[in-house]
Each structure stands twice: as structure tokens, then as C-alpha cells.
Amino acid sequence: MEKVGFVYIMTNKNNTVLYTGVTSNLTNRVAKHKEHVYPGSFTAKYNITKLVYYEDFDDIRKAIEREKQIKGGSRQDKLDLINSMNSEWRDLYYDICGF
């Protein structure tokens, strides 16, 4: 089944600021963050360009529900999620794009 929803966490170069989002097109959305398409946005202001965590869903409503759950958690909860998938904090964008 095709994945139609994603929740993701991004950070800046020094891994000090976290951003959690939801989208139906992960590669496109992360590219927009990297390119600072929206210059006044939180991610542009804090230079958040590195995808460090994501989950995929077959229903966008489940992705939105999960985003709310992650955003409601503590910073430590987010760090634990990231470390469970990506302990090296690599930029996963290149993995999802097939680079």
C-alpha cells in the first residue's frame, strides 16, 4: 500500500533545535525546508535543514494524530525517538531520495 502520510523531525547543523511536522510528500517537504522556501518560517529562522527522523502512514489522519502525540511529548521523548532510528543523527533526506 502506498504511504500517504509522514511525520518527521528535523534539526539544525548543531542538533540543538528540533522541528516536528507532518506531510503527504516527505521528499518535497524536506526539500522546501532545505531551500528556505518560506523565509519567515521557524525552520528558516533557525536554519533547520536536516531530516533526522520520520514515520510513514497509510492514512494522513494517523500521521496528523502521531504528529500531535510527538509534539505533546518532551524534548527527551523526541531525542529518544531520533536515537532509536538514527543514533548518528545523519541527514536521512539523502536516504529517502536514493542518493
Protein backbone atom coordinates (compact mmCIF):
# COMPACT_ATOMS: atom_id res chain seq x y z
CA MET A 1 0.00 0.00 0.00
CA GLU A 2 1.25 3.47 -0.84
CA LYS A 3 2.31 5.67 2.04
CA VAL A 4 0.20 8.84 2.10
CA GLY A 5 1.32 10.47 5.33
CA PHE A 6 4.56 11.17 7.09
CA VAL A 7 5.51 12.67 10.41
CA TYR A 8 9.07 13.88 10.63
CA ILE A 9 11.60 15.59 12.86
CA MET A 10 14.25 17.94 11.54
CA THR A 11 17.09 19.78 13.22
CA ASN A 12 19.82 22.29 12.53
CA LYS A 13 23.52 21.68 11.88
CA ASN A 14 24.38 21.52 15.59
CA ASN A 15 21.33 19.39 16.53
CA THR A 16 20.14 22.00 19.03
CA VAL A 17 16.68 22.91 17.66
CA LEU A 18 14.01 20.34 16.83
CA TYR A 19 11.04 20.75 14.49
CA THR A 20 8.24 18.23 14.12
CA GLY A 21 5.99 18.29 11.07
CA VAL A 22 3.54 16.26 9.02
CA THR A 23 3.22 15.99 5.24
CA SER A 24 1.88 13.87 2.42
CA ASN A 25 5.11 14.21 0.40
CA LEU A 26 8.21 13.85 2.56
CA THR A 27 10.91 14.42 -0.06
CA ASN A 28 9.22 17.55 -1.40
CA ARG A 29 8.55 18.99 2.04
CA VAL A 30 12.09 18.43 3.30
CA ALA A 31 13.47 19.98 0.10
CA LYS A 32 11.36 23.08 0.82
CA HIS A 33 12.80 23.28 4.33
CA LYS A 34 16.34 22.93 2.94
CA GLU A 35 15.74 25.66 0.37
CA HIS A 36 14.06 28.02 2.87
CA VAL A 37 11.09 28.43 0.53
CA TYR A 38 9.26 30.19 3.36
CA PRO A 39 11.87 32.69 4.65
CA GLY A 40 9.80 33.78 7.66
CA SER A 41 9.18 30.26 8.91
CA PHE A 42 10.50 28.72 12.10
CA THR A 43 12.68 26.29 10.14
CA ALA A 44 14.22 29.07 8.04
CA LYS A 45 14.81 31.27 11.10
CA TYR A 46 16.70 28.51 12.90
CA ASN A 47 18.29 27.04 9.74
CA ILE A 48 16.63 23.66 10.24
CA THR A 49 17.67 21.61 7.23
CA LYS A 50 18.49 18.10 8.46
CA LEU A 51 15.92 15.29 8.46
CA VAL A 52 16.75 13.05 11.42
CA TYR A 53 13.54 11.04 11.96
CA TYR A 54 10.38 10.05 10.13
CA GLU A 55 7.48 7.63 10.24
CA ASP A 56 5.18 6.73 7.37
CA PHE A 57 1.46 6.03 7.42
CA ASP A 58 -1.16 4.74 5.02
CA ASP A 59 -3.65 7.32 6.33
CA ILE A 60 -2.83 11.03 6.66
CA ARG A 61 -5.14 11.29 9.67
CA LYS A 62 -2.97 8.78 11.54
CA ALA A 63 0.10 10.84 10.64
CA ILE A 64 -1.55 14.01 11.99
CA GLU A 65 -2.54 12.19 15.18
CA ARG A 66 1.03 10.95 15.62
CA GLU A 67 2.44 14.44 14.99
CA LYS A 68 0.26 15.79 17.82
CA GLN A 69 1.45 12.99 20.10
CA ILE A 70 5.12 13.71 19.33
CA LYS A 71 4.68 17.48 19.71
CA GLY A 72 2.97 16.88 23.06
CA GLY A 73 5.92 14.87 24.34
CA SER A 74 9.04 16.17 26.00
CA ARG A 75 12.28 17.07 24.25
CA GLN A 76 13.75 13.88 25.74
CA ASP A 77 10.95 11.84 24.13
CA LYS A 78 11.91 13.34 20.77
CA LEU A 79 15.61 12.67 21.36
CA ASP A 80 14.79 9.06 22.25
CA LEU A 81 12.76 8.67 19.03
CA ILE A 82 15.57 10.07 16.92
CA ASN A 83 18.19 7.92 18.62
CA SER A 84 16.05 4.80 18.14
CA MET A 85 16.08 5.28 14.36
CA ASN A 86 19.15 7.37 13.69
CA SER A 87 21.69 7.28 16.52
CA GLU A 88 24.30 9.01 14.34
CA TRP A 89 21.88 11.87 13.55
CA ARG A 90 22.62 11.55 9.83
CA ASP A 91 20.56 13.56 7.35
CA LEU A 92 18.05 10.92 6.21
CA TYR A 93 16.93 13.08 3.29
CA TYR A 94 19.62 11.51 1.13
CA ASP A 95 18.40 8.03 2.05
CA ILE A 96 14.78 8.73 1.13
CA CYS A 97 15.85 10.36 -2.13
CA GLY A 98 18.07 7.42 -3.03
CA PHE A 99 21.32 9.40 -3.11
